[in-house]
Amino acid sequence: MNDIYTQLAQILNVSKITEDYTTTADLQISEYMTADSYDVHVMTNEPMSLMWDTDVYQYQPSFNDIIDRIKDLDEDAIVYVSDFETYLPEYEVDDYLEQHEEELQD
């Protein structure tokens, strides 16, 4: 049986969604700390050249914002999420999987 994040990757048509850090991820979702000790949330395709207006969030991005960003990726994409419970909590993933159950069975 697949875990819920494998099922989510299948529905969103990406290769993998993982908490295991990899430099080859096509999308990285994590928390960064600024020089003056503030936390910001980053969702980026290019961690070495952040686009401040589209990649950096003062507040945690919503589940739907994250899902939409993943949907924009190619089907062979790998998504790195630094902490599932922060960015893709199990209860929200379960709800999303229930709503898209038909797609999972195809």
C-alpha atoms as a PDB file:
ATOM      1  CA  MET A   1       0.000   0.000   0.000  1.00  0.00           C
ATOM      2  CA  ASN A   2       1.320   3.426  -0.904  1.00  0.00           C
ATOM      3  CA  ASP A   3       1.696   6.047   1.767  1.00  0.00           C
ATOM      4  CA  ILE A   4      -0.407   9.188   1.423  1.00  0.00           C
ATOM      5  CA  TYR A   5       2.439  11.282   0.007  1.00  0.00           C
ATOM      6  CA  THR A   6       3.075   8.727  -2.731  1.00  0.00           C
ATOM      7  CA  GLN A   7      -0.641   8.816  -3.508  1.00  0.00           C
ATOM      8  CA  LEU A   8      -0.587  12.620  -3.514  1.00  0.00           C
ATOM      9  CA  ALA A   9       2.345  12.605  -5.961  1.00  0.00           C
ATOM     10  CA  GLN A  10       0.393  10.236  -8.192  1.00  0.00           C
ATOM     11  CA  ILE A  11      -2.691  12.459  -8.231  1.00  0.00           C
ATOM     12  CA  LEU A  12      -0.628  15.603  -8.813  1.00  0.00           C
ATOM     13  CA  ASN A  13       1.260  13.828 -11.616  1.00  0.00           C
ATOM     14  CA  VAL A  14       4.787  14.260 -10.225  1.00  0.00           C
ATOM     15  CA  SER A  15       7.448  11.636  -9.656  1.00  0.00           C
ATOM     16  CA  LYS A  16       7.909  12.015  -5.901  1.00  0.00           C
ATOM     17  CA  ILE A  17       7.128  14.188  -2.884  1.00  0.00           C
ATOM     18  CA  THR A  18       9.713  13.637  -0.162  1.00  0.00           C
ATOM     19  CA  GLU A  19      11.079  14.953   3.125  1.00  0.00           C
ATOM     20  CA  ASP A  20      14.504  13.558   2.220  1.00  0.00           C
ATOM     21  CA  TYR A  21      16.657  16.483   1.120  1.00  0.00           C
ATOM     22  CA  THR A  22      17.960  16.284  -2.405  1.00  0.00           C
ATOM     23  CA  THR A  23      19.760  18.846  -4.518  1.00  0.00           C
ATOM     24  CA  THR A  24      17.954  17.524  -7.582  1.00  0.00           C
ATOM     25  CA  ALA A  25      14.480  18.560  -6.414  1.00  0.00           C
ATOM     26  CA  ASP A  26      12.478  20.508  -8.975  1.00  0.00           C
ATOM     27  CA  LEU A  27      10.585  22.310  -6.215  1.00  0.00           C
ATOM     28  CA  GLN A  28      11.819  22.958  -2.679  1.00  0.00           C
ATOM     29  CA  ILE A  29       9.473  23.986   0.104  1.00  0.00           C
ATOM     30  CA  SER A  30      11.093  24.963   3.391  1.00  0.00           C
ATOM     31  CA  GLU A  31      11.650  27.577   6.045  1.00  0.00           C
ATOM     32  CA  TYR A  32      14.640  29.923   5.910  1.00  0.00           C
ATOM     33  CA  MET A  33      15.909  32.283   8.571  1.00  0.00           C
ATOM     34  CA  THR A  34      16.821  35.857   7.686  1.00  0.00           C
ATOM     35  CA  ALA A  35      19.995  37.595   8.882  1.00  0.00           C
ATOM     36  CA  ASP A  36      17.985  39.339  11.595  1.00  0.00           C
ATOM     37  CA  SER A  37      16.461  36.049  12.872  1.00  0.00           C
ATOM     38  CA  TYR A  38      13.045  36.120  11.217  1.00  0.00           C
ATOM     39  CA  ASP A  39      11.589  33.013   9.658  1.00  0.00           C
ATOM     40  CA  VAL A  40      10.346  33.136   6.083  1.00  0.00           C
ATOM     41  CA  HIS A  41       8.831  30.368   4.011  1.00  0.00           C
ATOM     42  CA  VAL A  42      10.335  29.562   0.638  1.00  0.00           C
ATOM     43  CA  MET A  43       8.771  27.638  -2.216  1.00  0.00           C
ATOM     44  CA  THR A  44      11.197  27.710  -5.123  1.00  0.00           C
ATOM     45  CA  ASN A  45      12.313  25.946  -8.263  1.00  0.00           C
ATOM     46  CA  GLU A  46      15.742  27.622  -8.040  1.00  0.00           C
ATOM     47  CA  PRO A  47      17.122  27.662  -4.459  1.00  0.00           C
ATOM     48  CA  MET A  48      20.356  29.367  -5.579  1.00  0.00           C
ATOM     49  CA  SER A  49      18.508  32.287  -7.182  1.00  0.00           C
ATOM     50  CA  LEU A  50      15.314  33.035  -5.300  1.00  0.00           C
ATOM     51  CA  MET A  51      12.639  35.135  -6.912  1.00  0.00           C
ATOM     52  CA  TRP A  52      11.619  37.232  -3.918  1.00  0.00           C
ATOM     53  CA  ASP A  53       8.271  38.263  -5.366  1.00  0.00           C
ATOM     54  CA  THR A  54       7.101  34.699  -6.150  1.00  0.00           C
ATOM     55  CA  ASP A  55       9.165  32.330  -3.980  1.00  0.00           C
ATOM     56  CA  VAL A  56       9.346  33.930  -0.530  1.00  0.00           C
ATOM     57  CA  TYR A  57       6.422  34.159   1.900  1.00  0.00           C
ATOM     58  CA  GLN A  58       6.251  36.097   5.141  1.00  0.00           C
ATOM     59  CA  TYR A  59       3.526  33.705   6.300  1.00  0.00           C
ATOM     60  CA  GLN A  60       3.299  29.996   5.681  1.00  0.00           C
ATOM     61  CA  PRO A  61       1.809  29.352   2.222  1.00  0.00           C
ATOM     62  CA  SER A  62      -1.591  27.706   2.245  1.00  0.00           C
ATOM     63  CA  PHE A  63      -2.095  24.070   1.392  1.00  0.00           C
ATOM     64  CA  ASN A  64      -3.866  25.117  -1.819  1.00  0.00           C
ATOM     65  CA  ASP A  65      -0.982  27.412  -2.850  1.00  0.00           C
ATOM     66  CA  ILE A  66       1.429  24.516  -2.398  1.00  0.00           C
ATOM     67  CA  ILE A  67      -0.787  22.095  -4.339  1.00  0.00           C
ATOM     68  CA  ASP A  68      -1.159  24.624  -7.177  1.00  0.00           C
ATOM     69  CA  ARG A  69       2.606  25.099  -7.373  1.00  0.00           C
ATOM     70  CA  ILE A  70       3.162  21.327  -7.501  1.00  0.00           C
ATOM     71  CA  LYS A  71       0.540  20.966 -10.255  1.00  0.00           C
ATOM     72  CA  ASP A  72       2.614  23.313 -12.439  1.00  0.00           C
ATOM     73  CA  LEU A  73       5.549  20.873 -12.462  1.00  0.00           C
ATOM     74  CA  ASP A  74       6.411  18.244 -15.089  1.00  0.00           C
ATOM     75  CA  GLU A  75       5.476  14.640 -14.462  1.00  0.00           C
ATOM     76  CA  ASP A  76       9.062  13.580 -13.721  1.00  0.00           C
ATOM     77  CA  ALA A  77       9.459  16.291 -11.056  1.00  0.00           C
ATOM     78  CA  ILE A  78      10.692  15.662  -7.524  1.00  0.00           C
ATOM     79  CA  VAL A  79       9.318  17.834  -4.719  1.00  0.00           C
ATOM     80  CA  TYR A  80      11.300  18.322  -1.517  1.00  0.00           C
ATOM     81  CA  VAL A  81       9.238  19.394   1.511  1.00  0.00           C
ATOM     82  CA  SER A  82      11.308  20.123   4.612  1.00  0.00           C
ATOM     83  CA  ASP A  83       8.484  19.220   6.988  1.00  0.00           C
ATOM     84  CA  PHE A  84       5.311  17.444   5.899  1.00  0.00           C
ATOM     85  CA  GLU A  85       3.385  18.390   9.036  1.00  0.00           C
ATOM     86  CA  THR A  86       4.075  22.081   8.438  1.00  0.00           C
ATOM     87  CA  TYR A  87       3.457  22.331   4.700  1.00  0.00           C
ATOM     88  CA  LEU A  88       1.434  19.231   3.761  1.00  0.00           C
ATOM     89  CA  PRO A  89      -0.230  18.080   6.975  1.00  0.00           C
ATOM     90  CA  GLU A  90      -1.613  14.575   6.907  1.00  0.00           C
ATOM     91  CA  TYR A  91      -5.215  15.625   7.592  1.00  0.00           C
ATOM     92  CA  GLU A  92      -5.224  18.013   4.614  1.00  0.00           C
ATOM     93  CA  VAL A  93      -3.602  15.442   2.351  1.00  0.00           C
ATOM     94  CA  ASP A  94      -6.196  12.854   3.457  1.00  0.00           C
ATOM     95  CA  ASP A  95      -9.010  15.308   2.637  1.00  0.00           C
ATOM     96  CA  TYR A  96      -7.459  16.087  -0.753  1.00  0.00           C
ATOM     97  CA  LEU A  97      -7.086  12.371  -1.531  1.00  0.00           C
ATOM     98  CA  GLU A  98     -10.721  11.741  -0.611  1.00  0.00           C
ATOM     99  CA  GLN A  99     -11.860  14.547  -2.918  1.00  0.00           C
ATOM    100  CA  HIS A 100      -9.772  13.137  -5.779  1.00  0.00           C
ATOM    101  CA  GLU A 101     -10.279   9.433  -5.089  1.00  0.00           C
ATOM    102  CA  GLU A 102     -11.442   8.704  -8.646  1.00  0.00           C
ATOM    103  CA  GLU A 103      -8.178  10.029 -10.096  1.00  0.00           C
ATOM    104  CA  LEU A 104      -6.209   7.779  -7.756  1.00  0.00           C
ATOM    105  CA  GLN A 105      -8.019   4.693  -8.987  1.00  0.00           C
ATOM    106  CA  ASP A 106      -7.250   5.409 -12.672  1.00  0.00           C
END
